[in-house]
Amino acid sequence: MHKDNTIIICRCEEVTYSTLQETAKLHQCSARELKLRTRAGMGFCGGRTCRPILDRVIEDVIPNTTADAIPLKYQPPVRAVTFGTVGGSND
């Protein structure tokens, strides 16, 4: 199977597959450390689009690691809104 190492995995932070692989191999890091070192999963989507690939990179680099052993959580974006914004204002 051909892997394109220049493909962007984390669109929010523009992190490539090769960056994730190189960082994981160099530092033998956990998913959390990989996230902190590369910023993958720290963008606007909170890792909802790149999380499965982050898990897979760690599984490939660190032997005997399973997806359930990777303590990386999803962080949905949260923005404070007023009731007027949600329900309209009474002018």
PDB file of N, CA and C in Angstrom:
ATOM      1  N   MET A   1       0.846  -1.175   0.000  1.00  0.00           N
ATOM      2  CA  MET A   1       0.000   0.000   0.000  1.00  0.00           C
ATOM      3  C   MET A   1       0.896   1.246   0.000  1.00  0.00           C
ATOM      4  N   HIS A   2       0.602   2.176  -0.882  1.00  0.00           N
ATOM      5  CA  HIS A   2       1.381   3.407  -0.996  1.00  0.00           C
ATOM      6  C   HIS A   2       0.844   4.451  -0.020  1.00  0.00           C
ATOM      7  N   LYS A   3       1.729   5.055   0.741  1.00  0.00           N
ATOM      8  CA  LYS A   3       1.342   6.121   1.673  1.00  0.00           C
ATOM      9  C   LYS A   3       1.975   7.422   1.213  1.00  0.00           C
ATOM     10  N   ASP A   4       1.170   8.439   1.048  1.00  0.00           N
ATOM     11  CA  ASP A   4       1.670   9.752   0.670  1.00  0.00           C
ATOM     12  C   ASP A   4       1.998  10.511   1.948  1.00  0.00           C
ATOM     13  N   ASN A   5       3.281  10.700   2.214  1.00  0.00           N
ATOM     14  CA  ASN A   5       3.718  11.318   3.461  1.00  0.00           C
ATOM     15  C   ASN A   5       3.466  12.815   3.521  1.00  0.00           C
ATOM     16  N   THR A   6       3.107  13.433   2.395  1.00  0.00           N
ATOM     17  CA  THR A   6       2.864  14.870   2.403  1.00  0.00           C
ATOM     18  C   THR A   6       1.397  15.201   2.626  1.00  0.00           C
ATOM     19  N   ILE A   7       0.584  14.206   2.793  1.00  0.00           N
ATOM     20  CA  ILE A   7      -0.845  14.451   2.993  1.00  0.00           C
ATOM     21  C   ILE A   7      -1.084  15.108   4.349  1.00  0.00           C
ATOM     22  N   ILE A   8      -1.951  16.084   4.380  1.00  0.00           N
ATOM     23  CA  ILE A   8      -2.259  16.786   5.623  1.00  0.00           C
ATOM     24  C   ILE A   8      -3.293  15.983   6.404  1.00  0.00           C
ATOM     25  N   ILE A   9      -2.945  15.601   7.609  1.00  0.00           N
ATOM     26  CA  ILE A   9      -3.825  14.808   8.466  1.00  0.00           C
ATOM     27  C   ILE A   9      -4.691  15.718   9.323  1.00  0.00           C
ATOM     28  N   CYS A  10      -4.079  16.693   9.963  1.00  0.00           N
ATOM     29  CA  CYS A  10      -4.820  17.652  10.787  1.00  0.00           C
ATOM     30  C   CYS A  10      -4.989  18.921   9.961  1.00  0.00           C
ATOM     31  N   ARG A  11      -6.175  19.095   9.420  1.00  0.00           N
ATOM     32  CA  ARG A  11      -6.441  20.250   8.564  1.00  0.00           C
ATOM     33  C   ARG A  11      -6.422  21.559   9.349  1.00  0.00           C
ATOM     34  N   CYS A  12      -6.864  21.515  10.568  1.00  0.00           N
ATOM     35  CA  CYS A  12      -6.922  22.741  11.377  1.00  0.00           C
ATOM     36  C   CYS A  12      -5.531  23.317  11.643  1.00  0.00           C
ATOM     37  N   GLU A  13      -4.572  22.441  11.934  1.00  0.00           N
ATOM     38  CA  GLU A  13      -3.212  22.872  12.270  1.00  0.00           C
ATOM     39  C   GLU A  13      -2.209  22.578  11.154  1.00  0.00           C
ATOM     40  N   GLU A  14      -2.678  22.037  10.027  1.00  0.00           N
ATOM     41  CA  GLU A  14      -1.854  21.714   8.863  1.00  0.00           C
ATOM     42  C   GLU A  14      -0.664  20.816   9.203  1.00  0.00           C
ATOM     43  N   VAL A  15      -0.931  19.721   9.901  1.00  0.00           N
ATOM     44  CA  VAL A  15       0.100  18.759  10.283  1.00  0.00           C
ATOM     45  C   VAL A  15       0.064  17.603   9.285  1.00  0.00           C
ATOM     46  N   THR A  16       1.218  17.270   8.725  1.00  0.00           N
ATOM     47  CA  THR A  16       1.288  16.213   7.725  1.00  0.00           C
ATOM     48  C   THR A  16       1.497  14.842   8.364  1.00  0.00           C
ATOM     49  N   TYR A  17       1.229  13.822   7.572  1.00  0.00           N
ATOM     50  CA  TYR A  17       1.429  12.440   8.014  1.00  0.00           C
ATOM     51  C   TYR A  17       2.900  12.197   8.342  1.00  0.00           C
ATOM     52  N   SER A  18       3.794  12.720   7.512  1.00  0.00           N
ATOM     53  CA  SER A  18       5.223  12.505   7.759  1.00  0.00           C
ATOM     54  C   SER A  18       5.679  13.172   9.055  1.00  0.00           C
ATOM     55  N   THR A  19       5.126  14.335   9.367  1.00  0.00           N
ATOM     56  CA  THR A  19       5.466  15.004  10.632  1.00  0.00           C
ATOM     57  C   THR A  19       5.038  14.158  11.818  1.00  0.00           C
ATOM     58  N   LEU A  20       3.840  13.598  11.740  1.00  0.00           N
ATOM     59  CA  LEU A  20       3.350  12.741  12.830  1.00  0.00           C
ATOM     60  C   LEU A  20       4.229  11.512  12.983  1.00  0.00           C
ATOM     61  N   GLN A  21       4.535  10.861  11.871  1.00  0.00           N
ATOM     62  CA  GLN A  21       5.355   9.649  11.930  1.00  0.00           C
ATOM     63  C   GLN A  21       6.758   9.937  12.464  1.00  0.00           C
ATOM     64  N   GLU A  22       7.398  10.971  11.938  1.00  0.00           N
ATOM     65  CA  GLU A  22       8.761  11.307  12.356  1.00  0.00           C
ATOM     66  C   GLU A  22       8.806  11.674  13.838  1.00  0.00           C
ATOM     67  N   THR A  23       7.848  12.445  14.300  1.00  0.00           N
ATOM     68  CA  THR A  23       7.811  12.858  15.706  1.00  0.00           C
ATOM     69  C   THR A  23       7.575  11.657  16.611  1.00  0.00           C
ATOM     70  N   ALA A  24       6.644  10.792  16.235  1.00  0.00           N
ATOM     71  CA  ALA A  24       6.346   9.611  17.049  1.00  0.00           C
ATOM     72  C   ALA A  24       7.559   8.680  17.123  1.00  0.00           C
ATOM     73  N   LYS A  25       8.252   8.487  16.016  1.00  0.00           N
ATOM     74  CA  LYS A  25       9.428   7.608  16.003  1.00  0.00           C
ATOM     75  C   LYS A  25      10.583   8.203  16.796  1.00  0.00           C
ATOM     76  N   LEU A  26      10.818   9.494  16.610  1.00  0.00           N
ATOM     77  CA  LEU A  26      11.941  10.156  17.281  1.00  0.00           C
ATOM     78  C   LEU A  26      11.780  10.170  18.795  1.00  0.00           C
ATOM     79  N   HIS A  27      10.581  10.464  19.257  1.00  0.00           N
ATOM     80  CA  HIS A  27      10.358  10.630  20.696  1.00  0.00           C
ATOM     81  C   HIS A  27       9.686   9.435  21.366  1.00  0.00           C
ATOM     82  N   GLN A  28       9.238   8.441  20.572  1.00  0.00           N
ATOM     83  CA  GLN A  28       8.516   7.286  21.132  1.00  0.00           C
ATOM     84  C   GLN A  28       7.450   7.766  22.101  1.00  0.00           C
ATOM     85  N   CYS A  29       6.643   8.711  21.643  1.00  0.00           N
ATOM     86  CA  CYS A  29       5.725   9.398  22.537  1.00  0.00           C
ATOM     87  C   CYS A  29       4.319   8.804  22.537  1.00  0.00           C
ATOM     88  N   SER A  30       3.593   9.157  23.551  1.00  0.00           N
ATOM     89  CA  SER A  30       2.192   8.778  23.665  1.00  0.00           C
ATOM     90  C   SER A  30       1.373   9.655  22.718  1.00  0.00           C
ATOM     91  N   ALA A  31       0.101   9.338  22.556  1.00  0.00           N
ATOM     92  CA  ALA A  31      -0.773  10.142  21.704  1.00  0.00           C
ATOM     93  C   ALA A  31      -0.872  11.562  22.239  1.00  0.00           C
ATOM     94  N   ARG A  32      -0.938  11.711  23.544  1.00  0.00           N
ATOM     95  CA  ARG A  32      -1.013  13.042  24.134  1.00  0.00           C
ATOM     96  C   ARG A  32       0.249  13.841  23.845  1.00  0.00           C
ATOM     97  N   GLU A  33       1.405  13.210  23.996  1.00  0.00           N
ATOM     98  CA  GLU A  33       2.659  13.902  23.721  1.00  0.00           C
ATOM     99  C   GLU A  33       2.788  14.238  22.231  1.00  0.00           C
ATOM    100  N   LEU A  34       2.334  13.336  21.368  1.00  0.00           N
ATOM    101  CA  LEU A  34       2.355  13.597  19.931  1.00  0.00           C
ATOM    102  C   LEU A  34       1.482  14.805  19.601  1.00  0.00           C
ATOM    103  N   LYS A  35       0.351  14.875  20.251  1.00  0.00           N
ATOM    104  CA  LYS A  35      -0.555  16.007  20.080  1.00  0.00           C
ATOM    105  C   LYS A  35       0.112  17.306  20.530  1.00  0.00           C
ATOM    106  N   LEU A  36       0.775  17.292  21.668  1.00  0.00           N
ATOM    107  CA  LEU A  36       1.425  18.496  22.193  1.00  0.00           C
ATOM    108  C   LEU A  36       2.632  18.909  21.349  1.00  0.00           C
ATOM    109  N   ARG A  37       3.371  17.940  20.826  1.00  0.00           N
ATOM    110  CA  ARG A  37       4.558  18.251  20.033  1.00  0.00           C
ATOM    111  C   ARG A  37       4.210  18.766  18.639  1.00  0.00           C
ATOM    112  N   THR A  38       3.116  18.286  18.057  1.00  0.00           N
ATOM    113  CA  THR A  38       2.790  18.645  16.677  1.00  0.00           C
ATOM    114  C   THR A  38       1.580  19.564  16.556  1.00  0.00           C
ATOM    115  N   ARG A  39       0.782  19.701  17.604  1.00  0.00           N
ATOM    116  CA  ARG A  39      -0.474  20.454  17.626  1.00  0.00           C
ATOM    117  C   ARG A  39      -1.591  19.756  16.854  1.00  0.00           C
ATOM    118  N   ALA A  40      -1.364  18.561  16.383  1.00  0.00           N
ATOM    119  CA  ALA A  40      -2.425  17.812  15.700  1.00  0.00           C
ATOM    120  C   ALA A  40      -3.537  17.517  16.705  1.00  0.00           C
ATOM    121  N   GLY A  41      -4.757  17.804  16.331  1.00  0.00           N
ATOM    122  CA  GLY A  41      -5.888  17.585  17.216  1.00  0.00           C
ATOM    123  C   GLY A  41      -6.181  18.750  18.137  1.00  0.00           C
ATOM    124  N   MET A  42      -5.450  19.841  17.993  1.00  0.00           N
ATOM    125  CA  MET A  42      -5.640  20.989  18.874  1.00  0.00           C
ATOM    126  C   MET A  42      -6.307  22.164  18.160  1.00  0.00           C
ATOM    127  N   GLY A  43      -6.777  21.930  16.962  1.00  0.00           N
ATOM    128  CA  GLY A  43      -7.397  22.989  16.179  1.00  0.00           C
ATOM    129  C   GLY A  43      -8.868  23.168  16.514  1.00  0.00           C
ATOM    130  N   PHE A  44      -9.556  23.852  15.630  1.00  0.00           N
ATOM    131  CA  PHE A  44     -10.956  24.205  15.845  1.00  0.00           C
ATOM    132  C   PHE A  44     -11.858  22.982  16.031  1.00  0.00           C
ATOM    133  N   CYS A  45     -11.595  21.905  15.299  1.00  0.00           N
ATOM    134  CA  CYS A  45     -12.478  20.732  15.385  1.00  0.00           C
ATOM    135  C   CYS A  45     -12.213  19.900  16.634  1.00  0.00           C
ATOM    136  N   GLY A  46     -11.119  20.159  17.338  1.00  0.00           N
ATOM    137  CA  GLY A  46     -10.827  19.434  18.566  1.00  0.00           C
ATOM    138  C   GLY A  46     -10.423  17.991  18.343  1.00  0.00           C
ATOM    139  N   GLY A  47      -9.925  17.663  17.156  1.00  0.00           N
ATOM    140  CA  GLY A  47      -9.458  16.307  16.897  1.00  0.00           C
ATOM    141  C   GLY A  47     -10.504  15.358  16.341  1.00  0.00           C
ATOM    142  N   ARG A  48     -11.676  15.848  16.029  1.00  0.00           N
ATOM    143  CA  ARG A  48     -12.721  14.959  15.517  1.00  0.00           C
ATOM    144  C   ARG A  48     -12.375  14.373  14.160  1.00  0.00           C
ATOM    145  N   THR A  49     -11.585  15.076  13.348  1.00  0.00           N
ATOM    146  CA  THR A  49     -11.255  14.543  12.027  1.00  0.00           C
ATOM    147  C   THR A  49      -9.932  13.791  11.999  1.00  0.00           C
ATOM    148  N   CYS A  50      -8.973  14.166  12.831  1.00  0.00           N
ATOM    149  CA  CYS A  50      -7.650  13.541  12.766  1.00  0.00           C
ATOM    150  C   CYS A  50      -7.385  12.525  13.875  1.00  0.00           C
ATOM    151  N   ARG A  51      -8.220  12.436  14.849  1.00  0.00           N
ATOM    152  CA  ARG A  51      -7.987  11.537  15.988  1.00  0.00           C
ATOM    153  C   ARG A  51      -7.754  10.086  15.586  1.00  0.00           C
ATOM    154  N   PRO A  52      -8.567   9.501  14.703  1.00  0.00           N
ATOM    155  CA  PRO A  52      -8.318   8.094  14.344  1.00  0.00           C
ATOM    156  C   PRO A  52      -6.940   7.869  13.726  1.00  0.00           C
ATOM    157  N   ILE A  53      -6.453   8.818  12.956  1.00  0.00           N
ATOM    158  CA  ILE A  53      -5.140   8.657  12.338  1.00  0.00           C
ATOM    159  C   ILE A  53      -4.032   8.859  13.363  1.00  0.00           C
ATOM    160  N   LEU A  54      -4.224   9.774  14.305  1.00  0.00           N
ATOM    161  CA  LEU A  54      -3.250   9.934  15.399  1.00  0.00           C
ATOM    162  C   LEU A  54      -3.112   8.621  16.161  1.00  0.00           C
ATOM    163  N   ASP A  55      -4.243   7.999  16.465  1.00  0.00           N
ATOM    164  CA  ASP A  55      -4.220   6.713  17.160  1.00  0.00           C
ATOM    165  C   ASP A  55      -3.464   5.670  16.343  1.00  0.00           C
ATOM    166  N   ARG A  56      -3.714   5.653  15.051  1.00  0.00           N
ATOM    167  CA  ARG A  56      -3.084   4.665  14.166  1.00  0.00           C
ATOM    168  C   ARG A  56      -1.569   4.867  14.080  1.00  0.00           C
ATOM    169  N   VAL A  57      -1.127   6.111  14.030  1.00  0.00           N
ATOM    170  CA  VAL A  57       0.309   6.390  13.984  1.00  0.00           C
ATOM    171  C   VAL A  57       0.981   5.860  15.241  1.00  0.00           C
ATOM    172  N   ILE A  58       0.382   6.101  16.396  1.00  0.00           N
ATOM    173  CA  ILE A  58       0.945   5.593  17.647  1.00  0.00           C
ATOM    174  C   ILE A  58       0.952   4.069  17.666  1.00  0.00           C
ATOM    175  N   GLU A  59      -0.124   3.449  17.195  1.00  0.00           N
ATOM    176  CA  GLU A  59      -0.185   1.984  17.142  1.00  0.00           C
ATOM    177  C   GLU A  59       0.917   1.424  16.253  1.00  0.00           C
ATOM    178  N   ASP A  60       1.214   2.090  15.145  1.00  0.00           N
ATOM    179  CA  ASP A  60       2.244   1.619  14.216  1.00  0.00           C
ATOM    180  C   ASP A  60       3.653   1.799  14.759  1.00  0.00           C
ATOM    181  N   VAL A  61       3.893   2.890  15.481  1.00  0.00           N
ATOM    182  CA  VAL A  61       5.241   3.218  15.947  1.00  0.00           C
ATOM    183  C   VAL A  61       5.596   2.508  17.235  1.00  0.00           C
ATOM    184  N   ILE A  62       4.666   2.421  18.172  1.00  0.00           N
ATOM    185  CA  ILE A  62       4.929   1.804  19.466  1.00  0.00           C
ATOM    186  C   ILE A  62       4.258   0.426  19.501  1.00  0.00           C
ATOM    187  N   PRO A  63       5.042  -0.635  19.525  1.00  0.00           N
ATOM    188  CA  PRO A  63       4.488  -1.990  19.499  1.00  0.00           C
ATOM    189  C   PRO A  63       3.586  -2.277  20.706  1.00  0.00           C
ATOM    190  N   ASN A  64       2.624  -3.133  20.496  1.00  0.00           N
ATOM    191  CA  ASN A  64       1.696  -3.596  21.528  1.00  0.00           C
ATOM    192  C   ASN A  64       0.848  -2.480  22.121  1.00  0.00           C
ATOM    193  N   THR A  65       0.597  -1.434  21.374  1.00  0.00           N
ATOM    194  CA  THR A  65      -0.292  -0.365  21.802  1.00  0.00           C
ATOM    195  C   THR A  65      -1.612  -0.550  21.081  1.00  0.00           C
ATOM    196  N   THR A  66      -2.697  -0.509  21.835  1.00  0.00           N
ATOM    197  CA  THR A  66      -4.017  -0.644  21.233  1.00  0.00           C
ATOM    198  C   THR A  66      -4.758   0.679  21.338  1.00  0.00           C
ATOM    199  N   ALA A  67      -5.791   0.823  20.527  1.00  0.00           N
ATOM    200  CA  ALA A  67      -6.550   2.078  20.502  1.00  0.00           C
ATOM    201  C   ALA A  67      -7.154   2.410  21.860  1.00  0.00           C
ATOM    202  N   ASP A  68      -7.587   1.387  22.616  1.00  0.00           N
ATOM    203  CA  ASP A  68      -8.201   1.656  23.916  1.00  0.00           C
ATOM    204  C   ASP A  68      -7.167   2.041  24.976  1.00  0.00           C
ATOM    205  N   ALA A  69      -5.885   1.842  24.699  1.00  0.00           N
ATOM    206  CA  ALA A  69      -4.831   2.206  25.642  1.00  0.00           C
ATOM    207  C   ALA A  69      -4.308   3.621  25.394  1.00  0.00           C
ATOM    208  N   ILE A  70      -4.848   4.285  24.408  1.00  0.00           N
ATOM    209  CA  ILE A  70      -4.381   5.614  24.050  1.00  0.00           C
ATOM    210  C   ILE A  70      -5.289   6.646  24.711  1.00  0.00           C
ATOM    211  N   PRO A  71      -4.790   7.362  25.714  1.00  0.00           N
ATOM    212  CA  PRO A  71      -5.627   8.311  26.456  1.00  0.00           C
ATOM    213  C   PRO A  71      -5.710   9.689  25.803  1.00  0.00           C
ATOM    214  N   LEU A  72      -6.341   9.748  24.639  1.00  0.00           N
ATOM    215  CA  LEU A  72      -6.511  11.023  23.950  1.00  0.00           C
ATOM    216  C   LEU A  72      -7.998  11.256  23.786  1.00  0.00           C
ATOM    217  N   LYS A  73      -8.485  12.340  24.321  1.00  0.00           N
ATOM    218  CA  LYS A  73      -9.918  12.588  24.294  1.00  0.00           C
ATOM    219  C   LYS A  73     -10.298  13.569  23.196  1.00  0.00           C
ATOM    220  N   TYR A  74     -11.546  13.516  22.831  1.00  0.00           N
ATOM    221  CA  TYR A  74     -12.084  14.489  21.891  1.00  0.00           C
ATOM    222  C   TYR A  74     -12.446  15.744  22.664  1.00  0.00           C
ATOM    223  N   GLN A  75     -12.211  16.880  22.089  1.00  0.00           N
ATOM    224  CA  GLN A  75     -12.548  18.138  22.731  1.00  0.00           C
ATOM    225  C   GLN A  75     -13.409  18.949  21.763  1.00  0.00           C
ATOM    226  N   PRO A  76     -14.731  18.866  21.920  1.00  0.00           N
ATOM    227  CA  PRO A  76     -15.588  19.614  21.007  1.00  0.00           C
ATOM    228  C   PRO A  76     -15.428  21.113  21.225  1.00  0.00           C
ATOM    229  N   PRO A  77     -15.545  21.865  20.140  1.00  0.00           N
ATOM    230  CA  PRO A  77     -15.434  23.315  20.306  1.00  0.00           C
ATOM    231  C   PRO A  77     -16.605  23.866  21.109  1.00  0.00           C
ATOM    232  N   VAL A  78     -16.319  24.769  22.004  1.00  0.00           N
ATOM    233  CA  VAL A  78     -17.354  25.357  22.850  1.00  0.00           C
ATOM    234  C   VAL A  78     -17.246  26.873  22.741  1.00  0.00           C
ATOM    235  N   ARG A  79     -18.353  27.491  22.449  1.00  0.00           N
ATOM    236  CA  ARG A  79     -18.406  28.941  22.372  1.00  0.00           C
ATOM    237  C   ARG A  79     -19.578  29.414  23.219  1.00  0.00           C
ATOM    238  N   ALA A  80     -19.351  30.401  24.039  1.00  0.00           N
ATOM    239  CA  ALA A  80     -20.427  30.961  24.850  1.00  0.00           C
ATOM    240  C   ALA A  80     -21.362  31.766  23.956  1.00  0.00           C
ATOM    241  N   VAL A  81     -22.649  31.534  24.106  1.00  0.00           N
ATOM    242  CA  VAL A  81     -23.644  32.305  23.360  1.00  0.00           C
ATOM    243  C   VAL A  81     -24.707  32.799  24.325  1.00  0.00           C
ATOM    244  N   THR A  82     -25.312  33.896  23.987  1.00  0.00           N
ATOM    245  CA  THR A  82     -26.371  34.442  24.827  1.00  0.00           C
ATOM    246  C   THR A  82     -27.703  33.828  24.429  1.00  0.00           C
ATOM    247  N   PHE A  83     -28.698  33.933  25.292  1.00  0.00           N
ATOM    248  CA  PHE A  83     -30.025  33.437  24.947  1.00  0.00           C
ATOM    249  C   PHE A  83     -30.623  34.221  23.782  1.00  0.00           C
ATOM    250  N   GLY A  84     -30.268  35.487  23.680  1.00  0.00           N
ATOM    251  CA  GLY A  84     -30.728  36.301  22.567  1.00  0.00           C
ATOM    252  C   GLY A  84     -30.210  35.781  21.233  1.00  0.00           C
ATOM    253  N   THR A  85     -28.995  35.301  21.230  1.00  0.00           N
ATOM    254  CA  THR A  85     -28.414  34.735  20.001  1.00  0.00           C
ATOM    255  C   THR A  85     -29.129  33.451  19.608  1.00  0.00           C
ATOM    256  N   VAL A  86     -29.454  32.630  20.584  1.00  0.00           N
ATOM    257  CA  VAL A  86     -30.102  31.349  20.322  1.00  0.00           C
ATOM    258  C   VAL A  86     -31.562  31.530  19.947  1.00  0.00           C
ATOM    259  N   GLY A  87     -32.279  32.324  20.703  1.00  0.00           N
ATOM    260  CA  GLY A  87     -33.722  32.447  20.495  1.00  0.00           C
ATOM    261  C   GLY A  87     -34.170  33.708  19.810  1.00  0.00           C
ATOM    262  N   GLY A  88     -33.246  34.565  19.459  1.00  0.00           N
ATOM    263  CA  GLY A  88     -33.615  35.836  18.853  1.00  0.00           C
ATOM    264  C   GLY A  88     -33.807  36.887  19.931  1.00  0.00           C
ATOM    265  N   SER A  89     -33.738  38.119  19.558  1.00  0.00           N
ATOM    266  CA  SER A  89     -33.880  39.189  20.554  1.00  0.00           C
ATOM    267  C   SER A  89     -35.267  39.805  20.486  1.00  0.00           C
ATOM    268  N   ASN A  90     -35.683  40.337  21.578  1.00  0.00           N
ATOM    269  CA  ASN A  90     -36.985  41.016  21.677  1.00  0.00           C
ATOM    270  C   ASN A  90     -36.753  42.524  21.659  1.00  0.00           C
ATOM    271  N   ASP A  91     -36.608  43.072  20.456  1.00  0.00           N
ATOM    272  CA  ASP A  91     -36.330  44.512  20.349  1.00  0.00           C
ATOM    273  C   ASP A  91     -37.581  45.334  20.511  1.00  0.00           C
TER     274      ASP A  91
END
